[in-house]
Amino acid sequence: MDNTAEMPQSMTLPFRHFWRRFAAFAVDIIIFQAAILIAVHYISTVFPLDFRFPGRTSTWCTEAIPSQLAQRIEAGWPLPTDEIRTSEICEVGQIGSTTERYLRTGNKTEDDFWTSGQELTIPLDADNNPVVQPMPAYSSLISGIVNTVLIALAFACFSANGRRTFGKAVFFLRVQSVDGKYPDIGAAFKREILKFSPFLLISAVVFVISLFPIYPTQDFEALLDMVRDGYTPPDNDTTELYVIWATAAMAWWLLPFVWRGHAFYDHICACEVVNA
């Protein structure tokens, strides 16, 4: 009687084609995003848009402050004799969006060794009134959804019914169902929208955050008084938020390759990426 224990058979995972898929995705995302930005740029020259598509941001600043606004700043934040005032209005423009205006005001104390001071940056409305209340980021939410849907639709159109995107054609890859058939446009779009779902998530999170007040008061003069007394306005930098999003996105995209050999969205849609 042979009592030799049977050796466990190793599980065979499907070919991942990770680096080729990554290179193909990079090529395709650059092409499709550039096409969308160019289209939005030309459309925005004819129709007024207020989207926040990713792209180059331009900033112009001027020290010309309207007298009424300057008087409000002086009244709410009087300076001692050893400090100087710094105030400017900056306009930020982006592809496919209206120009946003911000007031940047503060004080500086100079001596022989360093320059120190405090600064407050706050949005302005069309009448040069500081906006202290919460500003729901509807345009960012809409542009995030529209941009994601357009990219997913572009990928789906070039991946359905046996077609290939430019990147997949270059790297000899193709999307097909696990039964060997080619997905139709509906299945391909479902796969792509699931692939880009982290972008929808970050748009929703940014919008929800914009619904909450940034400052402890909704009175501009009271806010200036608080800054003068040492209050530090919150930093609007979203670096930490994007780091958390990037970590979650990498887990959504990369973890399945290590665990199952294919992505979650391929598993959900019963698709796979194979050699063309």
Protein backbone atom coordinates (compact mmCIF):
# COMPACT_ATOMS: atom_id res chain seq x y z
CA MET A 1 0.00 0.00 0.00
CA ASP A 2 1.46 3.30 -1.05
CA ASN A 3 1.10 5.83 1.77
CA THR A 4 2.94 8.57 -0.07
CA ALA A 5 1.04 11.83 0.39
CA GLU A 6 -0.16 13.37 -2.80
CA MET A 7 1.61 16.58 -3.62
CA PRO A 8 -0.81 19.50 -3.94
CA GLN A 9 -1.08 20.78 -7.47
CA SER A 10 -0.29 24.43 -7.97
CA MET A 11 -3.12 26.58 -9.22
CA THR A 12 -2.54 27.89 -12.72
CA LEU A 13 -3.45 31.54 -13.09
CA PRO A 14 -4.33 33.11 -16.43
CA PHE A 15 -1.68 35.14 -18.16
CA ARG A 16 -1.69 38.63 -16.68
CA HIS A 17 0.06 40.60 -19.45
CA PHE A 18 0.49 43.23 -16.75
CA TRP A 19 3.20 45.43 -18.27
CA ARG A 20 1.74 45.27 -21.75
CA ARG A 21 -1.70 46.16 -20.40
CA PHE A 22 -0.21 49.01 -18.37
CA ALA A 23 1.62 50.41 -21.41
CA ALA A 24 -1.47 50.05 -23.61
CA PHE A 25 -3.62 51.79 -20.99
CA ALA A 26 -1.12 54.68 -20.70
CA VAL A 27 -1.11 55.19 -24.47
CA ASP A 28 -4.91 55.06 -24.72
CA ILE A 29 -5.60 57.35 -21.76
CA ILE A 30 -3.24 60.00 -23.17
CA ILE A 31 -4.92 59.84 -26.59
CA PHE A 32 -8.52 59.85 -25.34
CA GLN A 33 -7.94 62.51 -22.66
CA ALA A 34 -6.17 64.79 -25.15
CA ALA A 35 -9.04 64.38 -27.61
CA ILE A 36 -11.61 65.24 -24.91
CA LEU A 37 -9.67 68.33 -23.78
CA ILE A 38 -9.28 69.59 -27.34
CA ALA A 39 -13.00 69.09 -28.00
CA VAL A 40 -13.97 70.84 -24.75
CA HIS A 41 -11.62 73.72 -25.52
CA TYR A 42 -13.21 74.39 -28.90
CA ILE A 43 -16.75 73.89 -27.61
CA SER A 44 -16.10 76.31 -24.74
CA THR A 45 -15.16 79.02 -27.24
CA VAL A 46 -18.71 78.84 -28.62
CA PHE A 47 -20.80 77.81 -25.61
CA PRO A 48 -20.11 78.92 -22.02
CA LEU A 49 -19.05 75.93 -19.94
CA ASP A 50 -18.27 75.62 -16.27
CA PHE A 51 -16.51 72.27 -16.06
CA ARG A 52 -13.29 71.35 -14.25
CA PHE A 53 -11.57 69.03 -16.67
CA PRO A 54 -8.00 68.01 -15.84
CA GLY A 55 -5.51 70.14 -17.68
CA ARG A 56 -3.31 73.18 -17.51
CA THR A 57 -4.36 75.86 -15.01
CA SER A 58 -3.41 79.50 -15.53
CA THR A 59 -3.27 82.08 -12.75
CA TRP A 60 -3.17 85.87 -13.03
CA CYS A 61 -2.80 88.13 -9.98
CA THR A 62 -3.11 91.88 -9.55
CA GLU A 63 -2.60 94.14 -6.55
CA ALA A 64 -5.42 96.43 -7.68
CA ILE A 65 -8.04 95.93 -4.95
CA PRO A 66 -11.46 97.65 -5.20
CA SER A 67 -11.70 100.46 -2.65
CA GLN A 68 -14.79 99.02 -0.94
CA LEU A 69 -13.08 95.67 -0.42
CA ALA A 70 -9.86 97.34 0.75
CA GLN A 71 -11.84 99.31 3.35
CA ARG A 72 -13.44 96.11 4.67
CA ILE A 73 -10.01 94.52 4.99
CA GLU A 74 -8.59 97.54 6.83
CA ALA A 75 -11.59 97.67 9.16
CA GLY A 76 -11.51 93.99 10.03
CA TRP A 77 -7.75 93.60 10.17
CA PRO A 78 -6.04 96.85 11.25
CA LEU A 79 -2.26 96.60 11.18
CA PRO A 80 0.27 97.74 13.79
CA THR A 81 2.88 100.26 12.69
CA ASP A 82 5.59 97.59 12.27
CA GLU A 83 3.58 95.50 9.79
CA ILE A 84 2.81 95.94 6.10
CA ARG A 85 -0.28 94.87 4.16
CA THR A 86 -0.16 92.47 1.22
CA SER A 87 -3.35 92.08 -0.83
CA GLU A 88 -4.03 90.85 -4.34
CA ILE A 89 -6.81 89.37 -6.42
CA CYS A 90 -5.97 86.25 -8.42
CA GLU A 91 -7.90 84.76 -11.31
CA VAL A 92 -7.58 81.04 -12.02
CA GLY A 93 -8.57 79.75 -15.43
CA GLN A 94 -8.88 76.16 -16.61
CA ILE A 95 -9.93 74.41 -19.82
CA GLY A 96 -13.71 74.28 -20.15
CA SER A 97 -14.46 76.33 -17.04
CA THR A 98 -15.29 79.87 -16.05
CA THR A 99 -12.62 81.93 -14.33
CA GLU A 100 -12.48 81.71 -10.54
CA ARG A 101 -11.39 84.74 -8.52
CA TYR A 102 -9.70 84.73 -5.13
CA LEU A 103 -8.67 87.38 -2.63
CA ARG A 104 -5.29 86.84 -1.01
CA THR A 105 -4.59 89.22 1.86
CA GLY A 106 -2.24 89.17 4.82
CA ASN A 107 0.38 90.98 6.84
CA LYS A 108 4.17 90.82 6.95
CA THR A 109 6.67 91.68 9.65
CA GLU A 110 10.24 92.15 8.45
CA ASP A 111 13.47 92.31 10.40
CA ASP A 112 17.11 91.62 9.67
CA PHE A 113 16.76 87.85 9.57
CA TRP A 114 13.36 86.76 8.24
CA THR A 115 9.94 87.74 7.02
CA SER A 116 6.92 86.42 8.88
CA GLY A 117 3.20 86.96 8.71
CA GLN A 118 -0.28 85.53 8.18
CA GLU A 119 -2.35 85.17 5.05
CA LEU A 120 -5.98 84.51 4.17
CA THR A 121 -7.12 83.25 0.77
CA ILE A 122 -10.85 83.35 0.09
CA PRO A 123 -13.06 83.15 -3.05
CA LEU A 124 -14.73 86.26 -4.46
CA ASP A 125 -18.06 86.56 -6.21
CA ALA A 126 -18.77 88.67 -9.30
CA ASP A 127 -19.30 91.78 -7.12
CA ASN A 128 -15.93 91.37 -5.32
CA ASN A 129 -17.60 90.16 -2.14
CA PRO A 130 -15.70 87.47 -0.19
CA VAL A 131 -17.54 84.12 -0.17
CA VAL A 132 -17.32 82.65 3.33
CA GLN A 133 -20.25 80.24 2.99
CA PRO A 134 -19.82 76.69 1.68
CA MET A 135 -19.57 76.48 -2.12
CA PRO A 136 -20.95 73.15 -3.40
CA ALA A 137 -18.63 71.93 -6.15
CA TYR A 138 -21.34 71.10 -8.67
CA SER A 139 -19.09 71.88 -11.64
CA SER A 140 -16.34 69.59 -10.35
CA LEU A 141 -18.85 66.80 -9.77
CA ILE A 142 -20.42 67.15 -13.21
CA SER A 143 -17.08 67.43 -15.00
CA GLY A 144 -15.73 64.41 -13.12
CA ILE A 145 -18.74 62.31 -14.13
CA VAL A 146 -18.78 63.57 -17.73
CA ASN A 147 -15.04 63.08 -18.19
CA THR A 148 -15.16 59.55 -16.75
CA VAL A 149 -18.18 58.55 -18.84
CA LEU A 150 -16.61 59.92 -22.03
CA ILE A 151 -13.35 58.07 -21.45
CA ALA A 152 -15.19 54.85 -20.58
CA LEU A 153 -17.36 55.24 -23.69
CA ALA A 154 -14.27 55.80 -25.86
CA PHE A 155 -12.58 52.69 -24.48
CA ALA A 156 -15.80 50.69 -24.91
CA CYS A 157 -16.36 51.76 -28.53
CA PHE A 158 -12.83 50.71 -29.45
CA SER A 159 -12.99 47.44 -27.46
CA ALA A 160 -16.42 46.07 -28.39
CA ASN A 161 -17.18 43.46 -31.05
CA GLY A 162 -13.57 42.43 -31.56
CA ARG A 163 -12.15 45.93 -32.05
CA ARG A 164 -9.06 47.17 -30.25
CA THR A 165 -7.89 50.50 -28.91
CA PHE A 166 -4.73 51.97 -30.38
CA GLY A 167 -2.71 50.96 -27.31
CA LYS A 168 -3.95 47.37 -27.35
CA ALA A 169 -3.27 47.14 -31.08
CA VAL A 170 0.30 48.32 -30.57
CA PHE A 171 0.90 45.80 -27.80
CA PHE A 172 -1.06 42.96 -29.45
CA LEU A 173 -3.85 42.64 -26.88
CA ARG A 174 -7.59 42.17 -27.16
CA VAL A 175 -10.59 42.02 -24.79
CA GLN A 176 -12.87 39.01 -25.04
CA SER A 177 -15.37 37.14 -22.89
CA VAL A 178 -14.26 34.08 -20.95
CA ASP A 179 -16.27 31.94 -23.40
CA GLY A 180 -14.13 33.23 -26.27
CA LYS A 181 -16.72 35.60 -27.72
CA TYR A 182 -16.28 39.34 -28.15
CA PRO A 183 -18.26 41.62 -25.79
CA ASP A 184 -20.86 43.89 -27.33
CA ILE A 185 -20.94 47.63 -26.70
CA GLY A 186 -23.07 47.26 -23.56
CA ALA A 187 -20.79 44.71 -21.93
CA ALA A 188 -17.71 46.68 -22.97
CA PHE A 189 -19.10 49.91 -21.49
CA LYS A 190 -19.97 48.12 -18.23
CA ARG A 191 -16.40 46.84 -18.03
CA GLU A 192 -14.90 50.26 -18.67
CA ILE A 193 -17.15 52.17 -16.28
CA LEU A 194 -16.23 49.67 -13.56
CA LYS A 195 -12.56 50.13 -14.45
CA PHE A 196 -12.79 53.90 -14.01
CA SER A 197 -15.12 53.81 -10.98
CA PRO A 198 -12.38 55.19 -8.65
CA PHE A 199 -12.57 58.47 -10.61
CA LEU A 200 -16.31 58.64 -9.95
CA LEU A 201 -15.64 57.99 -6.28
CA ILE A 202 -13.13 60.83 -5.91
CA SER A 203 -15.53 63.24 -7.67
CA ALA A 204 -18.30 62.30 -5.23
CA VAL A 205 -16.01 62.64 -2.19
CA VAL A 206 -14.77 66.08 -3.28
CA PHE A 207 -18.36 67.22 -3.79
CA VAL A 208 -19.47 65.99 -0.35
CA ILE A 209 -16.52 67.77 1.30
CA SER A 210 -17.47 71.01 -0.46
CA LEU A 211 -20.88 70.95 1.26
CA PHE A 212 -19.33 71.55 4.68
CA PRO A 213 -18.17 75.00 5.88
CA ILE A 214 -14.46 75.71 5.67
CA TYR A 215 -14.32 78.55 8.19
CA PRO A 216 -15.70 78.70 11.76
CA THR A 217 -17.70 81.83 10.91
CA GLN A 218 -19.63 83.06 7.89
CA ASP A 219 -18.90 86.73 8.57
CA PHE A 220 -15.93 88.10 6.64
CA GLU A 221 -15.04 90.83 9.15
CA ALA A 222 -15.23 88.34 12.03
CA LEU A 223 -12.99 85.98 10.10
CA LEU A 224 -10.42 88.75 9.55
CA ASP A 225 -10.48 89.50 13.27
CA MET A 226 -9.87 85.81 14.04
CA VAL A 227 -6.92 85.69 11.63
CA ARG A 228 -5.47 88.83 13.22
CA ASP A 229 -5.71 87.15 16.64
CA GLY A 230 -3.76 84.10 15.45
CA TYR A 231 -6.34 81.86 13.77
CA THR A 232 -4.79 79.85 10.94
CA PRO A 233 -7.20 79.23 8.04
CA PRO A 234 -7.42 75.58 6.95
CA ASP A 235 -5.23 74.54 4.08
CA ASN A 236 -7.30 73.71 1.00
CA ASP A 237 -4.60 71.33 -0.22
CA THR A 238 -6.19 67.99 -1.12
CA THR A 239 -2.94 66.04 -1.25
CA GLU A 240 -3.90 63.72 1.59
CA LEU A 241 -7.28 63.02 -0.02
CA TYR A 242 -5.68 62.13 -3.34
CA VAL A 243 -3.11 59.89 -1.62
CA ILE A 244 -5.96 57.94 0.00
CA TRP A 245 -7.78 57.78 -3.34
CA ALA A 246 -4.63 56.62 -5.17
CA THR A 247 -4.10 53.86 -2.60
CA ALA A 248 -7.69 52.67 -2.99
CA ALA A 249 -7.47 52.87 -6.78
CA MET A 250 -4.26 50.86 -6.86
CA ALA A 251 -5.92 48.24 -4.67
CA TRP A 252 -8.87 48.11 -7.08
CA TRP A 253 -6.64 47.83 -10.15
CA LEU A 254 -3.56 45.92 -9.00
CA LEU A 255 -4.52 43.67 -6.08
CA PRO A 256 -6.60 41.31 -8.24
CA PHE A 257 -3.59 40.63 -10.47
CA VAL A 258 -1.74 39.21 -7.48
CA TRP A 259 -4.74 37.40 -6.04
CA ARG A 260 -6.72 36.05 -8.99
CA GLY A 261 -4.68 36.86 -12.07
CA HIS A 262 -7.19 39.34 -13.50
CA ALA A 263 -8.88 42.56 -12.44
CA PHE A 264 -12.10 42.81 -10.44
CA TYR A 265 -13.95 44.44 -13.32
CA ASP A 266 -12.90 41.60 -15.65
CA HIS A 267 -14.11 39.07 -13.09
CA ILE A 268 -17.46 40.86 -12.70
CA CYS A 269 -17.98 41.19 -16.47
CA ALA A 270 -16.62 37.70 -17.27
CA CYS A 271 -13.99 39.19 -19.56
CA GLU A 272 -10.28 38.69 -20.05
CA VAL A 273 -7.41 40.32 -21.92
CA VAL A 274 -5.66 37.94 -24.31
CA ASN A 275 -3.04 37.99 -27.01
CA ALA A 276 -4.39 39.32 -30.28
